[in-house]
Every structure is written in C-alpha cells, then in structure tokens.
Amino acid sequence: MENKSVSFLVMAFIALIIGVGLLTTVAVETQSVTERTAVADEVIDITDCQDSGGGFNTTCPLTLANLPTGWKADGECSNVLITYENSSKAALTLDTDYTWVASTGNLTLTNHFDLRTNVGDENITYVNYNYCGDDYVNQNWARTVLDNVSGFFALALLDVGLYLFFNVMKNEGILDKI
C-alpha cells in the first residue's frame, strides 16, 4: 500500500470520527430549538383559592411556572395544556372543572367537587403541558429546515467517507479487478 492510500485512509477515519461526534451535537442542538419543552406533574397548590366555606373560589387564577412572555405571549407560541389533574392524578375536565387561557398560561377553577380526593394532599393539583423555550424557533418552515440539517450532514459525511475510500481502492487497483 503506498503512502497516498495510507493518507487517504487516515483522513477517512479522522473525518468519520469527527463527523459522527459533530452529528450528535448538531442533532441534539437542533432538537432543543425545534421542539417544545415538556413539563410533567408540575405541582399547583390551590390552598389560596379556598373560600371561607371550605369550597373553592372559582375566580381564583392559577399560573404555570413557565408562562409565555415577550414574543411568546403575542400568540407566537402559547403553552399547550395536556392534562390538569387532581391530587389523585385523575384528569379534570376542561370547561367543567377549570378553564384554560393558552396565551397567558392561566388556569381558573370552575368546579370544586372533583378536586378533593386525597386526605392530606387535598390542595395539590398537577398539570402537564408543553411550552416554548427562549431559543424556540417559531416559524414552521425554519423548524422544518433545521430538522433536516442533521440528515443532510449525515449524507455529506457518508459522501466524504465514500469518496476517500473510493480513492484508496482506485490507487490500490482494486477497482481494476472488479
């Protein structure tokens, strides 16, 4: 094997090792700006919503930890409520037990009957939702382009590897025997 072929093989292995390392980073970073962040079982304490009769004040607003602010509050990327649950983790019903305003991220209780189920944890409720992080790309076309970047990067990496290995096979005369 001549020196030119050895140098092509070394370049191919270095390119593949660096490329695979970069591919993982590109994929993870791309996903972080194109996917909403999921929150599971965020605890909302409804103690402050109790009225003097032991029921609940149905005008008491409950807020999520990750409220839409700035460009997200303008309707660009409102929160997506998945479930709101009582202390037993039984799902409550939208517009029957609570109301939800996506643009502000506010919950308001409308029915207190389904809230109290566990003794001791009766003032705890759980919410599951998705929200946009500060780095979230809010245009659909831009998210689509970014989601394709890692795939095209992998194809380019494959092309470089094939090109270098093809040159080694050509220099060694392996292609002439086929």
N, C-alpha and C. Protein backbone atom coordinates (compact mmCIF):
# COMPACT_ATOMS: atom_id res chain seq x y z
N MET A 1 0.86 -1.18 0.00
CA MET A 1 0.00 0.00 0.00
C MET A 1 0.90 1.23 0.00
N GLU A 2 0.65 2.15 -0.89
CA GLU A 2 1.52 3.32 -0.99
C GLU A 2 1.08 4.41 -0.01
N ASN A 3 1.95 5.37 0.18
CA ASN A 3 1.72 6.43 1.16
C ASN A 3 0.46 7.24 0.87
N LYS A 4 0.13 7.42 -0.40
CA LYS A 4 -1.06 8.18 -0.76
C LYS A 4 -2.33 7.48 -0.27
N SER A 5 -2.35 6.16 -0.39
CA SER A 5 -3.51 5.39 0.08
C SER A 5 -3.61 5.42 1.59
N VAL A 6 -2.49 5.33 2.27
CA VAL A 6 -2.50 5.38 3.74
C VAL A 6 -3.00 6.74 4.20
N SER A 7 -2.57 7.80 3.55
CA SER A 7 -3.03 9.12 3.96
C SER A 7 -4.53 9.29 3.71
N PHE A 8 -5.05 8.72 2.60
CA PHE A 8 -6.50 8.75 2.36
C PHE A 8 -7.26 7.97 3.44
N LEU A 9 -6.76 6.81 3.84
CA LEU A 9 -7.42 6.02 4.89
C LEU A 9 -7.41 6.76 6.23
N VAL A 10 -6.29 7.36 6.57
CA VAL A 10 -6.21 8.12 7.82
C VAL A 10 -7.18 9.30 7.78
N MET A 11 -7.23 10.02 6.67
CA MET A 11 -8.16 11.15 6.53
C MET A 11 -9.61 10.67 6.63
N ALA A 12 -9.90 9.52 6.03
CA ALA A 12 -11.27 8.99 6.08
C ALA A 12 -11.68 8.66 7.51
N PHE A 13 -10.81 7.98 8.25
CA PHE A 13 -11.16 7.63 9.63
C PHE A 13 -11.27 8.86 10.52
N ILE A 14 -10.39 9.83 10.34
CA ILE A 14 -10.48 11.06 11.13
C ILE A 14 -11.76 11.81 10.79
N ALA A 15 -12.09 11.90 9.50
CA ALA A 15 -13.31 12.59 9.09
C ALA A 15 -14.55 11.91 9.66
N LEU A 16 -14.57 10.59 9.64
CA LEU A 16 -15.72 9.86 10.17
C LEU A 16 -15.84 10.02 11.68
N ILE A 17 -14.74 9.95 12.38
CA ILE A 17 -14.79 10.09 13.85
C ILE A 17 -15.25 11.49 14.23
N ILE A 18 -14.68 12.51 13.62
CA ILE A 18 -15.09 13.89 13.93
C ILE A 18 -16.53 14.13 13.49
N GLY A 19 -16.88 13.62 12.32
CA GLY A 19 -18.22 13.82 11.79
C GLY A 19 -19.30 13.20 12.65
N VAL A 20 -19.06 11.98 13.12
CA VAL A 20 -20.05 11.32 13.98
C VAL A 20 -20.22 12.08 15.29
N GLY A 21 -19.12 12.58 15.84
CA GLY A 21 -19.20 13.39 17.06
C GLY A 21 -19.99 14.68 16.84
N LEU A 22 -19.75 15.32 15.71
CA LEU A 22 -20.47 16.55 15.40
C LEU A 22 -21.93 16.28 15.05
N LEU A 23 -22.20 15.16 14.43
CA LEU A 23 -23.57 14.81 14.06
C LEU A 23 -24.47 14.73 15.29
N THR A 24 -23.98 14.11 16.34
CA THR A 24 -24.75 14.01 17.58
C THR A 24 -25.03 15.39 18.15
N THR A 25 -24.02 16.23 18.17
CA THR A 25 -24.19 17.59 18.71
C THR A 25 -25.18 18.39 17.88
N VAL A 26 -25.06 18.30 16.56
CA VAL A 26 -25.98 19.02 15.68
C VAL A 26 -27.42 18.55 15.90
N ALA A 27 -27.63 17.25 16.01
CA ALA A 27 -28.97 16.71 16.20
C ALA A 27 -29.58 17.15 17.52
N VAL A 28 -28.80 17.10 18.59
CA VAL A 28 -29.31 17.48 19.92
C VAL A 28 -29.62 18.98 19.97
N GLU A 29 -28.72 19.79 19.46
CA GLU A 29 -28.94 21.24 19.48
C GLU A 29 -30.11 21.65 18.60
N THR A 30 -30.26 20.98 17.47
CA THR A 30 -31.39 21.28 16.59
C THR A 30 -32.70 20.92 17.27
N GLN A 31 -32.74 19.78 17.92
CA GLN A 31 -33.97 19.37 18.60
C GLN A 31 -34.34 20.35 19.71
N SER A 32 -33.34 20.90 20.40
CA SER A 32 -33.64 21.81 21.51
C SER A 32 -34.30 23.11 21.06
N VAL A 33 -34.11 23.50 19.80
CA VAL A 33 -34.73 24.75 19.33
C VAL A 33 -35.95 24.52 18.45
N THR A 34 -36.24 23.25 18.13
CA THR A 34 -37.40 22.97 17.27
C THR A 34 -38.51 22.20 17.99
N GLU A 35 -38.28 21.77 19.21
CA GLU A 35 -39.29 21.03 19.98
C GLU A 35 -39.70 21.84 21.20
N ARG A 36 -40.97 21.77 21.54
CA ARG A 36 -41.43 22.41 22.78
C ARG A 36 -40.92 21.60 23.96
N THR A 37 -40.72 22.26 25.08
CA THR A 37 -40.25 21.62 26.30
C THR A 37 -41.45 21.06 27.05
N ALA A 38 -41.37 19.80 27.46
CA ALA A 38 -42.47 19.15 28.18
C ALA A 38 -42.27 19.27 29.68
N VAL A 39 -43.35 19.58 30.38
CA VAL A 39 -43.35 19.62 31.84
C VAL A 39 -44.35 18.58 32.31
N ALA A 40 -43.90 17.69 33.18
CA ALA A 40 -44.78 16.63 33.70
C ALA A 40 -44.97 16.80 35.20
N ASP A 41 -46.21 16.72 35.61
CA ASP A 41 -46.58 16.77 37.03
C ASP A 41 -46.07 17.99 37.78
N GLU A 42 -46.22 19.17 37.16
CA GLU A 42 -45.91 20.40 37.90
C GLU A 42 -46.98 20.56 38.97
N VAL A 43 -46.56 20.80 40.19
CA VAL A 43 -47.48 20.90 41.31
C VAL A 43 -48.03 22.32 41.40
N ILE A 44 -49.35 22.40 41.49
CA ILE A 44 -50.02 23.68 41.71
C ILE A 44 -50.80 23.57 43.01
N ASP A 45 -50.45 24.41 43.95
CA ASP A 45 -51.12 24.42 45.26
C ASP A 45 -52.33 25.33 45.15
N ILE A 46 -53.51 24.79 45.46
CA ILE A 46 -54.75 25.57 45.33
C ILE A 46 -55.27 26.05 46.69
N THR A 47 -54.40 26.03 47.71
CA THR A 47 -54.80 26.46 49.05
C THR A 47 -55.34 27.88 49.06
N ASP A 48 -54.67 28.77 48.32
CA ASP A 48 -55.08 30.18 48.31
C ASP A 48 -56.42 30.39 47.61
N CYS A 49 -56.93 29.39 46.95
CA CYS A 49 -58.20 29.51 46.23
C CYS A 49 -59.40 29.08 47.09
N GLN A 50 -59.16 28.67 48.34
CA GLN A 50 -60.26 28.25 49.20
C GLN A 50 -61.04 29.46 49.69
N ASP A 51 -62.36 29.30 49.68
CA ASP A 51 -63.17 30.37 50.23
C ASP A 51 -63.48 30.05 51.69
N SER A 52 -64.17 30.91 52.37
CA SER A 52 -64.42 30.76 53.81
C SER A 52 -65.30 29.55 54.13
N GLY A 53 -66.08 29.06 53.18
CA GLY A 53 -66.96 27.93 53.43
C GLY A 53 -66.29 26.58 53.16
N GLY A 54 -65.01 26.56 52.85
CA GLY A 54 -64.32 25.30 52.59
C GLY A 54 -64.35 24.90 51.13
N GLY A 55 -65.09 25.65 50.32
CA GLY A 55 -65.11 25.38 48.88
C GLY A 55 -63.97 26.14 48.22
N PHE A 56 -64.07 26.29 46.93
CA PHE A 56 -63.01 26.98 46.21
C PHE A 56 -63.58 28.19 45.49
N ASN A 57 -62.79 29.25 45.50
CA ASN A 57 -63.14 30.48 44.80
C ASN A 57 -62.96 30.21 43.31
N THR A 58 -64.03 30.24 42.57
CA THR A 58 -63.98 29.88 41.15
C THR A 58 -63.43 31.00 40.27
N THR A 59 -63.04 32.11 40.89
CA THR A 59 -62.40 33.16 40.11
C THR A 59 -60.91 33.26 40.44
N CYS A 60 -60.41 32.30 41.14
CA CYS A 60 -59.01 32.29 41.55
C CYS A 60 -58.13 31.79 40.40
N PRO A 61 -57.26 32.65 39.86
CA PRO A 61 -56.38 32.22 38.77
C PRO A 61 -55.18 31.42 39.30
N LEU A 62 -54.84 30.38 38.59
CA LEU A 62 -53.66 29.57 38.91
C LEU A 62 -52.69 29.73 37.75
N THR A 63 -51.44 29.93 38.05
CA THR A 63 -50.48 30.17 36.98
C THR A 63 -49.44 29.06 36.92
N LEU A 64 -48.98 28.80 35.72
CA LEU A 64 -47.93 27.82 35.49
C LEU A 64 -46.57 28.44 35.75
N ALA A 65 -45.59 27.60 35.99
CA ALA A 65 -44.24 28.11 36.24
C ALA A 65 -43.63 28.72 34.99
N ASN A 66 -43.98 28.21 33.83
CA ASN A 66 -43.39 28.67 32.57
C ASN A 66 -44.44 29.41 31.74
N LEU A 67 -44.70 30.63 32.13
CA LEU A 67 -45.70 31.43 31.43
C LEU A 67 -45.12 32.00 30.15
N PRO A 68 -45.95 32.14 29.10
CA PRO A 68 -45.46 32.77 27.89
C PRO A 68 -45.20 34.27 28.14
N THR A 69 -44.02 34.70 27.77
CA THR A 69 -43.65 36.11 27.93
C THR A 69 -43.06 36.61 26.61
N GLY A 70 -43.00 37.92 26.47
CA GLY A 70 -42.39 38.52 25.28
C GLY A 70 -43.08 38.08 24.01
N TRP A 71 -42.31 37.61 23.03
CA TRP A 71 -42.85 37.21 21.73
C TRP A 71 -43.78 36.01 21.86
N LYS A 72 -43.62 35.18 22.90
CA LYS A 72 -44.48 34.01 23.07
C LYS A 72 -45.89 34.41 23.51
N ALA A 73 -45.99 35.49 24.25
CA ALA A 73 -47.29 35.95 24.73
C ALA A 73 -48.11 36.62 23.62
N ASP A 74 -47.46 36.97 22.54
CA ASP A 74 -48.17 37.60 21.41
C ASP A 74 -48.86 36.57 20.53
N GLY A 75 -48.96 35.35 20.99
CA GLY A 75 -49.61 34.30 20.22
C GLY A 75 -48.65 33.53 19.34
N GLU A 76 -47.37 33.89 19.38
CA GLU A 76 -46.38 33.21 18.55
C GLU A 76 -46.17 31.77 19.02
N CYS A 77 -46.26 31.55 20.32
CA CYS A 77 -46.01 30.20 20.85
C CYS A 77 -46.63 30.07 22.23
N SER A 78 -47.92 29.87 22.26
CA SER A 78 -48.60 29.74 23.54
C SER A 78 -48.38 28.33 24.11
N ASN A 79 -48.59 28.21 25.41
CA ASN A 79 -48.44 26.91 26.07
C ASN A 79 -49.51 25.94 25.58
N VAL A 80 -49.18 24.66 25.58
CA VAL A 80 -50.12 23.62 25.18
C VAL A 80 -50.41 22.78 26.42
N LEU A 81 -51.63 22.89 26.93
CA LEU A 81 -52.01 22.12 28.11
C LEU A 81 -52.34 20.69 27.70
N ILE A 82 -51.74 19.74 28.37
CA ILE A 82 -52.01 18.34 28.07
C ILE A 82 -53.06 17.80 29.04
N THR A 83 -52.77 17.87 30.34
CA THR A 83 -53.76 17.46 31.35
C THR A 83 -53.63 18.30 32.60
N TYR A 84 -54.74 18.45 33.28
CA TYR A 84 -54.77 19.06 34.61
C TYR A 84 -55.44 18.03 35.49
N GLU A 85 -54.78 17.67 36.61
CA GLU A 85 -55.23 16.54 37.43
C GLU A 85 -55.40 16.94 38.88
N ASN A 86 -56.30 16.22 39.57
CA ASN A 86 -56.48 16.46 41.00
C ASN A 86 -55.38 15.74 41.78
N SER A 87 -55.49 15.72 43.08
CA SER A 87 -54.43 15.15 43.92
C SER A 87 -54.27 13.64 43.73
N SER A 88 -55.29 12.96 43.19
CA SER A 88 -55.20 11.52 42.91
C SER A 88 -54.72 11.26 41.49
N LYS A 89 -54.38 12.31 40.79
CA LYS A 89 -53.95 12.27 39.39
C LYS A 89 -55.06 11.81 38.45
N ALA A 90 -56.30 12.07 38.84
CA ALA A 90 -57.43 11.85 37.94
C ALA A 90 -57.61 13.13 37.13
N ALA A 91 -57.73 12.98 35.83
CA ALA A 91 -57.83 14.14 34.95
C ALA A 91 -59.10 14.93 35.21
N LEU A 92 -58.96 16.23 35.27
CA LEU A 92 -60.10 17.13 35.39
C LEU A 92 -60.57 17.50 33.99
N THR A 93 -61.78 18.00 33.88
CA THR A 93 -62.37 18.27 32.57
C THR A 93 -62.34 19.76 32.26
N LEU A 94 -61.79 20.08 31.10
CA LEU A 94 -61.73 21.46 30.63
C LEU A 94 -63.14 22.02 30.47
N ASP A 95 -63.32 23.24 30.89
CA ASP A 95 -64.59 23.98 30.84
C ASP A 95 -65.64 23.44 31.80
N THR A 96 -65.38 22.33 32.47
CA THR A 96 -66.28 21.84 33.52
C THR A 96 -65.64 22.07 34.88
N ASP A 97 -64.39 21.63 35.03
CA ASP A 97 -63.68 21.78 36.30
C ASP A 97 -62.74 23.00 36.30
N TYR A 98 -62.30 23.41 35.14
CA TYR A 98 -61.38 24.54 35.04
C TYR A 98 -61.46 25.15 33.64
N THR A 99 -60.97 26.37 33.53
CA THR A 99 -60.82 26.99 32.22
C THR A 99 -59.33 27.22 31.98
N TRP A 100 -58.96 27.33 30.73
CA TRP A 100 -57.55 27.45 30.34
C TRP A 100 -57.42 28.55 29.30
N VAL A 101 -56.50 29.47 29.52
CA VAL A 101 -56.21 30.51 28.55
C VAL A 101 -54.78 30.28 28.08
N ALA A 102 -54.62 29.77 26.87
CA ALA A 102 -53.30 29.37 26.36
C ALA A 102 -52.34 30.55 26.22
N SER A 103 -52.84 31.69 25.78
CA SER A 103 -51.94 32.82 25.52
C SER A 103 -51.30 33.36 26.79
N THR A 104 -51.99 33.22 27.93
CA THR A 104 -51.43 33.70 29.19
C THR A 104 -50.94 32.56 30.07
N GLY A 105 -51.35 31.35 29.79
CA GLY A 105 -50.95 30.20 30.60
C GLY A 105 -51.68 30.12 31.92
N ASN A 106 -52.87 30.72 32.02
CA ASN A 106 -53.62 30.75 33.28
C ASN A 106 -54.73 29.71 33.31
N LEU A 107 -54.81 29.05 34.45
CA LEU A 107 -55.91 28.13 34.76
C LEU A 107 -56.82 28.83 35.75
N THR A 108 -58.12 28.60 35.64
CA THR A 108 -59.07 29.12 36.62
C THR A 108 -60.01 27.99 36.99
N LEU A 109 -60.18 27.77 38.28
CA LEU A 109 -61.08 26.71 38.74
C LEU A 109 -62.52 27.09 38.49
N THR A 110 -63.35 26.14 38.08
CA THR A 110 -64.77 26.41 37.89
C THR A 110 -65.63 25.44 38.68
N ASN A 111 -65.04 24.37 39.19
CA ASN A 111 -65.80 23.35 39.90
C ASN A 111 -64.89 22.80 40.99
N HIS A 112 -65.36 22.77 42.22
CA HIS A 112 -64.51 22.29 43.31
C HIS A 112 -64.80 20.84 43.71
N PHE A 113 -65.78 20.20 43.11
CA PHE A 113 -66.17 18.87 43.55
C PHE A 113 -65.14 17.79 43.23
N ASP A 114 -64.46 17.90 42.11
CA ASP A 114 -63.52 16.86 41.71
C ASP A 114 -62.10 17.10 42.22
N LEU A 115 -61.88 18.16 42.97
CA LEU A 115 -60.52 18.50 43.37
C LEU A 115 -60.06 17.75 44.61
N ARG A 116 -60.92 17.59 45.59
CA ARG A 116 -60.51 16.99 46.86
C ARG A 116 -60.71 15.48 46.83
N THR A 117 -59.60 14.76 46.81
CA THR A 117 -59.71 13.31 46.78
C THR A 117 -58.81 12.64 47.80
N ASN A 118 -57.61 13.13 47.99
CA ASN A 118 -56.68 12.52 48.95
C ASN A 118 -56.61 13.36 50.21
N VAL A 119 -56.78 12.74 51.36
CA VAL A 119 -56.65 13.45 52.62
C VAL A 119 -55.18 13.79 52.81
N GLY A 120 -54.89 15.01 53.15
CA GLY A 120 -53.52 15.45 53.34
C GLY A 120 -52.95 16.15 52.12
N ASP A 121 -53.33 15.70 50.93
CA ASP A 121 -52.86 16.33 49.70
C ASP A 121 -54.00 16.99 48.95
N GLU A 122 -55.05 17.33 49.67
CA GLU A 122 -56.25 17.80 49.00
C GLU A 122 -56.09 19.15 48.30
N ASN A 123 -55.07 19.89 48.63
CA ASN A 123 -54.88 21.19 48.00
C ASN A 123 -53.78 21.17 46.93
N ILE A 124 -53.40 19.98 46.52
CA ILE A 124 -52.37 19.84 45.49
C ILE A 124 -53.02 19.36 44.21
N THR A 125 -52.69 20.00 43.10
CA THR A 125 -53.12 19.54 41.79
C THR A 125 -51.88 19.45 40.90
N TYR A 126 -52.01 18.73 39.80
CA TYR A 126 -50.87 18.51 38.91
C TYR A 126 -51.25 18.94 37.50
N VAL A 127 -50.28 19.50 36.81
CA VAL A 127 -50.51 19.93 35.44
C VAL A 127 -49.38 19.41 34.56
N ASN A 128 -49.74 18.97 33.36
CA ASN A 128 -48.79 18.52 32.34
C ASN A 128 -49.00 19.39 31.11
N TYR A 129 -47.92 19.99 30.63
CA TYR A 129 -48.06 20.89 29.49
C TYR A 129 -46.74 20.99 28.73
N ASN A 130 -46.80 21.61 27.58
CA ASN A 130 -45.62 21.90 26.77
C ASN A 130 -45.52 23.41 26.61
N TYR A 131 -44.29 23.90 26.61
CA TYR A 131 -44.09 25.33 26.41
C TYR A 131 -42.88 25.56 25.52
N CYS A 132 -42.78 26.74 24.98
CA CYS A 132 -41.66 27.10 24.10
C CYS A 132 -40.55 27.70 24.95
N GLY A 133 -39.35 27.17 24.80
CA GLY A 133 -38.20 27.75 25.47
C GLY A 133 -37.81 29.06 24.82
N ASP A 134 -36.90 29.77 25.41
CA ASP A 134 -36.49 31.07 24.88
C ASP A 134 -35.81 30.95 23.52
N ASP A 135 -35.17 29.81 23.24
CA ASP A 135 -34.47 29.62 21.98
C ASP A 135 -35.35 28.98 20.90
N TYR A 136 -36.61 28.74 21.20
CA TYR A 136 -37.51 28.05 20.28
C TYR A 136 -37.66 28.82 18.97
N VAL A 137 -37.57 28.11 17.86
CA VAL A 137 -37.76 28.71 16.53
C VAL A 137 -39.25 28.66 16.23
N ASN A 138 -39.88 29.82 16.09
CA ASN A 138 -41.34 29.84 15.99
C ASN A 138 -41.90 29.77 14.58
N GLN A 139 -41.08 29.80 13.55
CA GLN A 139 -41.60 29.66 12.19
C GLN A 139 -41.55 28.19 11.77
N ASN A 140 -42.67 27.70 11.21
CA ASN A 140 -42.74 26.30 10.80
C ASN A 140 -41.69 25.95 9.76
N TRP A 141 -41.50 26.80 8.77
CA TRP A 141 -40.55 26.49 7.71
C TRP A 141 -39.13 26.40 8.26
N ALA A 142 -38.79 27.26 9.22
CA ALA A 142 -37.44 27.25 9.79
C ALA A 142 -37.21 25.99 10.62
N ARG A 143 -38.25 25.55 11.35
CA ARG A 143 -38.11 24.28 12.10
C ARG A 143 -37.92 23.11 11.16
N THR A 144 -38.64 23.10 10.04
CA THR A 144 -38.50 22.02 9.06
C THR A 144 -37.10 21.99 8.48
N VAL A 145 -36.57 23.14 8.13
CA VAL A 145 -35.21 23.21 7.58
C VAL A 145 -34.20 22.73 8.61
N LEU A 146 -34.33 23.21 9.84
CA LEU A 146 -33.39 22.80 10.89
C LEU A 146 -33.48 21.31 11.19
N ASP A 147 -34.68 20.76 11.17
CA ASP A 147 -34.83 19.32 11.42
C ASP A 147 -34.15 18.48 10.35
N ASN A 148 -34.01 19.02 9.15
CA ASN A 148 -33.36 18.30 8.05
C ASN A 148 -31.84 18.44 8.04
N VAL A 149 -31.31 19.38 8.80
CA VAL A 149 -29.87 19.65 8.78
C VAL A 149 -29.06 18.42 9.18
N SER A 150 -29.44 17.75 10.25
CA SER A 150 -28.64 16.61 10.70
C SER A 150 -28.67 15.47 9.68
N GLY A 151 -29.78 15.28 9.00
CA GLY A 151 -29.85 14.25 7.97
C GLY A 151 -28.95 14.56 6.79
N PHE A 152 -28.96 15.81 6.36
CA PHE A 152 -28.08 16.20 5.26
C PHE A 152 -26.62 16.18 5.68
N PHE A 153 -26.36 16.50 6.93
CA PHE A 153 -24.98 16.43 7.45
C PHE A 153 -24.50 14.97 7.43
N ALA A 154 -25.38 14.05 7.81
CA ALA A 154 -25.01 12.63 7.78
C ALA A 154 -24.75 12.17 6.34
N LEU A 155 -25.56 12.63 5.40
CA LEU A 155 -25.34 12.27 4.00
C LEU A 155 -24.01 12.84 3.47
N ALA A 156 -23.69 14.06 3.86
CA ALA A 156 -22.42 14.67 3.46
C ALA A 156 -21.25 13.90 4.06
N LEU A 157 -21.39 13.47 5.28
CA LEU A 157 -20.36 12.66 5.94
C LEU A 157 -20.17 11.33 5.22
N LEU A 158 -21.27 10.72 4.83
CA LEU A 158 -21.20 9.48 4.06
C LEU A 158 -20.50 9.70 2.72
N ASP A 159 -20.83 10.81 2.06
CA ASP A 159 -20.19 11.12 0.78
C ASP A 159 -18.68 11.30 0.93
N VAL A 160 -18.25 12.01 1.96
CA VAL A 160 -16.81 12.20 2.18
C VAL A 160 -16.13 10.86 2.42
N GLY A 161 -16.74 10.04 3.25
CA GLY A 161 -16.15 8.72 3.53
C GLY A 161 -16.07 7.86 2.28
N LEU A 162 -17.14 7.83 1.49
CA LEU A 162 -17.13 7.04 0.26
C LEU A 162 -16.11 7.57 -0.74
N TYR A 163 -16.01 8.88 -0.85
CA TYR A 163 -15.03 9.47 -1.77
C TYR A 163 -13.61 9.06 -1.39
N LEU A 164 -13.29 9.17 -0.10
CA LEU A 164 -11.94 8.82 0.33
C LEU A 164 -11.65 7.33 0.16
N PHE A 165 -12.60 6.49 0.51
CA PHE A 165 -12.39 5.04 0.34
C PHE A 165 -12.35 4.67 -1.15
N PHE A 166 -13.12 5.34 -1.98
CA PHE A 166 -13.06 5.10 -3.42
C PHE A 166 -11.68 5.44 -3.98
N ASN A 167 -11.11 6.55 -3.50
CA ASN A 167 -9.77 6.93 -3.93
C ASN A 167 -8.72 5.90 -3.50
N VAL A 168 -8.86 5.35 -2.31
CA VAL A 168 -7.92 4.31 -1.86
C VAL A 168 -8.05 3.09 -2.75
N MET A 169 -9.27 2.67 -3.03
CA MET A 169 -9.48 1.49 -3.87
C MET A 169 -8.95 1.75 -5.29
N LYS A 170 -9.09 2.96 -5.78
CA LYS A 170 -8.59 3.31 -7.11
C LYS A 170 -7.06 3.28 -7.14
N ASN A 171 -6.45 3.88 -6.10
CA ASN A 171 -4.98 3.90 -6.03
C ASN A 171 -4.38 2.52 -5.88
N GLU A 172 -5.07 1.62 -5.21
CA GLU A 172 -4.56 0.28 -4.98
C GLU A 172 -4.90 -0.67 -6.11
N GLY A 173 -5.67 -0.21 -7.07
CA GLY A 173 -6.01 -1.03 -8.22
C GLY A 173 -7.09 -2.04 -7.96
N ILE A 174 -7.81 -1.89 -6.86
CA ILE A 174 -8.87 -2.84 -6.52
C ILE A 174 -10.02 -2.70 -7.50
N LEU A 175 -10.32 -1.50 -7.94
CA LEU A 175 -11.42 -1.27 -8.87
C LEU A 175 -11.12 -1.89 -10.24
N ASP A 176 -9.83 -1.98 -10.59
CA ASP A 176 -9.47 -2.57 -11.87
C ASP A 176 -9.77 -4.07 -11.94
N LYS A 177 -9.80 -4.71 -10.76
CA LYS A 177 -10.02 -6.16 -10.71
C LYS A 177 -11.50 -6.52 -10.70
N ILE A 178 -12.36 -5.53 -10.51
CA ILE A 178 -13.80 -5.81 -10.43
C ILE A 178 -14.42 -5.76 -11.80
